C-alpha atoms as a PDB file:
ATOM      1  CA  UNK A   1      35.756   0.558 -12.119  1.00  0.00           C
ATOM      2  CA  UNK A   2      31.795   0.385 -11.630  1.00  0.00           C
ATOM      3  CA  UNK A   3      30.383  -2.034 -13.883  1.00  0.00           C
ATOM      4  CA  UNK A   4      28.196  -0.249 -15.895  1.00  0.00           C
ATOM      5  CA  UNK A   5      24.624  -1.750 -16.212  1.00  0.00           C
ATOM      6  CA  UNK A   6      22.954  -2.439 -19.998  1.00  0.00           C
ATOM      7  CA  UNK A   7      19.433  -1.363 -19.729  1.00  0.00           C
ATOM      8  CA  UNK A   8      17.199  -3.773 -19.620  1.00  0.00           C
ATOM      9  CA  UNK A   9      13.430  -4.322 -21.663  1.00  0.00           C
ATOM     10  CA  UNK A  10      12.538  -7.013 -19.833  1.00  0.00           C
ATOM     11  CA  UNK A  11      10.598  -7.524 -16.648  1.00  0.00           C
ATOM     12  CA  UNK A  12       9.510 -10.636 -13.797  1.00  0.00           C
ATOM     13  CA  UNK A  13       6.430 -12.235 -15.570  1.00  0.00           C
ATOM     14  CA  UNK A  14       7.361 -11.661 -19.125  1.00  0.00           C
ATOM     15  CA  UNK A  15       7.181 -14.520 -21.542  1.00  0.00           C
ATOM     16  CA  UNK A  16      10.683 -15.001 -23.693  1.00  0.00           C
ATOM     17  CA  UNK A  17      12.482 -17.400 -25.852  1.00  0.00           C
ATOM     18  CA  UNK A  18      15.571 -18.491 -25.828  1.00  0.00           C
ATOM     19  CA  UNK A  19      17.706 -16.955 -29.269  1.00  0.00           C
ATOM     20  CA  UNK A  20      21.171 -18.951 -28.657  1.00  0.00           C
ATOM     21  CA  UNK A  21      22.593 -21.630 -26.391  1.00  0.00           C
ATOM     22  CA  UNK A  22      20.405 -25.327 -25.686  1.00  0.00           C
ATOM     23  CA  UNK A  23      17.716 -24.142 -24.583  1.00  0.00           C
ATOM     24  CA  UNK A  24      17.537 -22.320 -28.537  1.00  0.00           C
ATOM     25  CA  UNK A  25      13.355 -22.102 -30.233  1.00  0.00           C
ATOM     26  CA  UNK A  26      11.980 -22.519 -26.442  1.00  0.00           C
ATOM     27  CA  UNK A  27       9.653 -20.396 -24.107  1.00  0.00           C
ATOM     28  CA  UNK A  28       9.555 -19.060 -21.229  1.00  0.00           C
ATOM     29  CA  UNK A  29       8.109 -16.766 -17.860  1.00  0.00           C
ATOM     30  CA  UNK A  30      10.802 -15.146 -16.163  1.00  0.00           C
ATOM     31  CA  UNK A  31      11.072 -16.201 -12.674  1.00  0.00           C
ATOM     32  CA  UNK A  32      13.625 -13.475 -11.786  1.00  0.00           C
ATOM     33  CA  UNK A  33      15.945 -10.660 -13.510  1.00  0.00           C
ATOM     34  CA  UNK A  34      19.233  -9.581 -11.964  1.00  0.00           C
ATOM     35  CA  UNK A  35      20.399  -7.104 -13.609  1.00  0.00           C
ATOM     36  CA  UNK A  36      23.661  -6.263 -12.261  1.00  0.00           C
ATOM     37  CA  UNK A  37      24.872 -10.158 -13.823  1.00  0.00           C
ATOM     38  CA  UNK A  38      23.136  -8.631 -16.657  1.00  0.00           C
ATOM     39  CA  UNK A  39      20.917 -12.708 -16.936  1.00  0.00           C
ATOM     40  CA  UNK A  40      17.575 -14.554 -16.611  1.00  0.00           C
ATOM     41  CA  UNK A  41      16.060 -17.365 -14.278  1.00  0.00           C
ATOM     42  CA  UNK A  42      12.967 -18.979 -17.194  1.00  0.00           C
ATOM     43  CA  UNK A  43      10.442 -20.812 -15.169  1.00  0.00           C
ATOM     44  CA  UNK A  44      11.416 -25.062 -16.451  1.00  0.00           C
ATOM     45  CA  UNK A  45      14.284 -23.499 -18.825  1.00  0.00           C
ATOM     46  CA  UNK A  46      18.086 -24.433 -18.620  1.00  0.00           C
ATOM     47  CA  UNK A  47      17.781 -26.644 -15.863  1.00  0.00           C
ATOM     48  CA  UNK A  48      20.294 -28.238 -13.855  1.00  0.00           C
ATOM     49  CA  UNK A  49      20.813 -30.941 -11.290  1.00  0.00           C
ATOM     50  CA  UNK A  50      22.566 -30.301  -7.652  1.00  0.00           C
ATOM     51  CA  UNK A  51      23.035 -33.162  -4.530  1.00  0.00           C
ATOM     52  CA  UNK A  52      21.914 -31.665  -1.349  1.00  0.00           C
ATOM     53  CA  UNK A  53      21.880 -32.724   2.254  1.00  0.00           C
ATOM     54  CA  UNK A  54      19.637 -32.915   4.802  1.00  0.00           C
ATOM     55  CA  UNK A  55      19.066 -30.415   7.605  1.00  0.00           C
ATOM     56  CA  UNK A  56      17.539 -33.480   9.375  1.00  0.00           C
ATOM     57  CA  UNK A  57      14.492 -31.545  10.531  1.00  0.00           C
ATOM     58  CA  UNK A  58      12.569 -29.392   6.998  1.00  0.00           C
ATOM     59  CA  UNK A  59      15.366 -30.395   3.330  1.00  0.00           C
ATOM     60  CA  UNK A  60      15.619 -33.675   2.796  1.00  0.00           C
ATOM     61  CA  UNK A  61      18.178 -34.869   0.895  1.00  0.00           C
ATOM     62  CA  UNK A  62      18.031 -35.931  -2.314  1.00  0.00           C
ATOM     63  CA  UNK A  63      18.796 -34.339  -5.922  1.00  0.00           C
ATOM     64  CA  UNK A  64      17.178 -31.394  -6.882  1.00  0.00           C
ATOM     65  CA  UNK A  65      16.585 -29.711 -10.037  1.00  0.00           C
ATOM     66  CA  UNK A  66      16.088 -25.999 -10.302  1.00  0.00           C
ATOM     67  CA  UNK A  67      17.212 -23.302 -13.519  1.00  0.00           C
ATOM     68  CA  UNK A  68      20.032 -21.944 -13.784  1.00  0.00           C
ATOM     69  CA  UNK A  69      20.052 -18.637 -15.571  1.00  0.00           C
ATOM     70  CA  UNK A  70      20.855 -17.223 -18.934  1.00  0.00           C
ATOM     71  CA  UNK A  71      22.166 -14.122 -19.997  1.00  0.00           C
ATOM     72  CA  UNK A  72      19.618 -11.391 -21.167  1.00  0.00           C
ATOM     73  CA  UNK A  73      21.589 -11.081 -25.099  1.00  0.00           C
ATOM     74  CA  UNK A  74      20.594 -14.311 -25.239  1.00  0.00           C
ATOM     75  CA  UNK A  75      16.247 -14.151 -24.803  1.00  0.00           C
ATOM     76  CA  UNK A  76      13.967 -12.536 -26.399  1.00  0.00           C
ATOM     77  CA  UNK A  77      10.413 -10.536 -25.611  1.00  0.00           C
ATOM     78  CA  UNK A  78       7.874 -12.352 -27.145  1.00  0.00           C
ATOM     79  CA  UNK A  79       4.414  -9.920 -29.169  1.00  0.00           C
ATOM     80  CA  UNK A  80       1.247 -11.445 -28.634  1.00  0.00           C
ATOM     81  CA  UNK A  81       0.492 -10.275 -31.770  1.00  0.00           C
ATOM     82  CA  UNK A  82       3.568 -11.487 -34.384  1.00  0.00           C
ATOM     83  CA  UNK A  83       3.988 -14.287 -32.096  1.00  0.00           C
ATOM     84  CA  UNK A  84       7.518 -14.669 -31.897  1.00  0.00           C
ATOM     85  CA  UNK A  85      10.596 -12.972 -29.607  1.00  0.00           C
ATOM     86  CA  UNK A  86      11.117  -9.537 -31.230  1.00  0.00           C
ATOM     87  CA  UNK A  87      13.107  -6.205 -29.950  1.00  0.00           C
ATOM     88  CA  UNK A  88      10.970  -3.742 -28.329  1.00  0.00           C
ATOM     89  CA  UNK A  89      11.250   0.055 -28.357  1.00  0.00           C
ATOM     90  CA  UNK A  90       9.444   2.811 -25.906  1.00  0.00           C
ATOM     91  CA  UNK A  91       7.286   5.081 -26.315  1.00  0.00           C
ATOM     92  CA  UNK A  92       5.811   8.064 -24.215  1.00  0.00           C
ATOM     93  CA  UNK A  93       1.963   7.990 -24.429  1.00  0.00           C
ATOM     94  CA  UNK A  94      -0.072  11.001 -24.501  1.00  0.00           C
ATOM     95  CA  UNK A  95      -0.849  11.162 -20.268  1.00  0.00           C
ATOM     96  CA  UNK A  96       2.956  10.647 -19.492  1.00  0.00           C
ATOM     97  CA  UNK A  97       3.500   6.950 -19.418  1.00  0.00           C
ATOM     98  CA  UNK A  98       6.138   4.933 -20.507  1.00  0.00           C
ATOM     99  CA  UNK A  99       5.734   2.308 -21.963  1.00  0.00           C
ATOM    100  CA  UNK A 100       7.543  -0.568 -23.906  1.00  0.00           C
ATOM    101  CA  UNK A 101       6.124  -1.430 -27.971  1.00  0.00           C
ATOM    102  CA  UNK A 102       7.120  -3.932 -30.711  1.00  0.00           C
ATOM    103  CA  UNK A 103       9.641  -2.655 -33.244  1.00  0.00           C
ATOM    104  CA  UNK A 104       8.066  -5.396 -35.805  1.00  0.00           C
ATOM    105  CA  UNK A 105       4.092  -4.923 -35.511  1.00  0.00           C
ATOM    106  CA  UNK A 106       4.333  -1.813 -33.099  1.00  0.00           C
ATOM    107  CA  UNK A 107       1.771  -3.424 -30.838  1.00  0.00           C
ATOM    108  CA  UNK A 108       1.816  -1.917 -26.525  1.00  0.00           C
ATOM    109  CA  UNK A 109       3.794  -5.172 -24.873  1.00  0.00           C
ATOM    110  CA  UNK A 110       2.559  -3.602 -20.850  1.00  0.00           C
ATOM    111  CA  UNK A 111      -0.395  -4.477 -19.612  1.00  0.00           C
ATOM    112  CA  UNK A 112      -2.217  -1.138 -19.113  1.00  0.00           C
END
């Protein structure tokens, strides 16, 4: 049985705020959205360290720090006008274009 995909209202380069977990309250830019897994990677948040072996040519051995994935349900899109994480709605403009809108203040989130 195929897993149902959730409708994702987030895109790469969006600014989000983490709502739960050890990074709660922190803000960052989305680096990637993994729709099938229901997760996002946020810049400089949920960091982990991994010991990497050098390959002798290009990569040097050492401890590499990188961003881990965070569940989409644990982040909220930041509204420029409200100044905090908000829920979003979808709205159709007069020209037929669909945009994301702040559910609280009605500000258009997409750059037009």
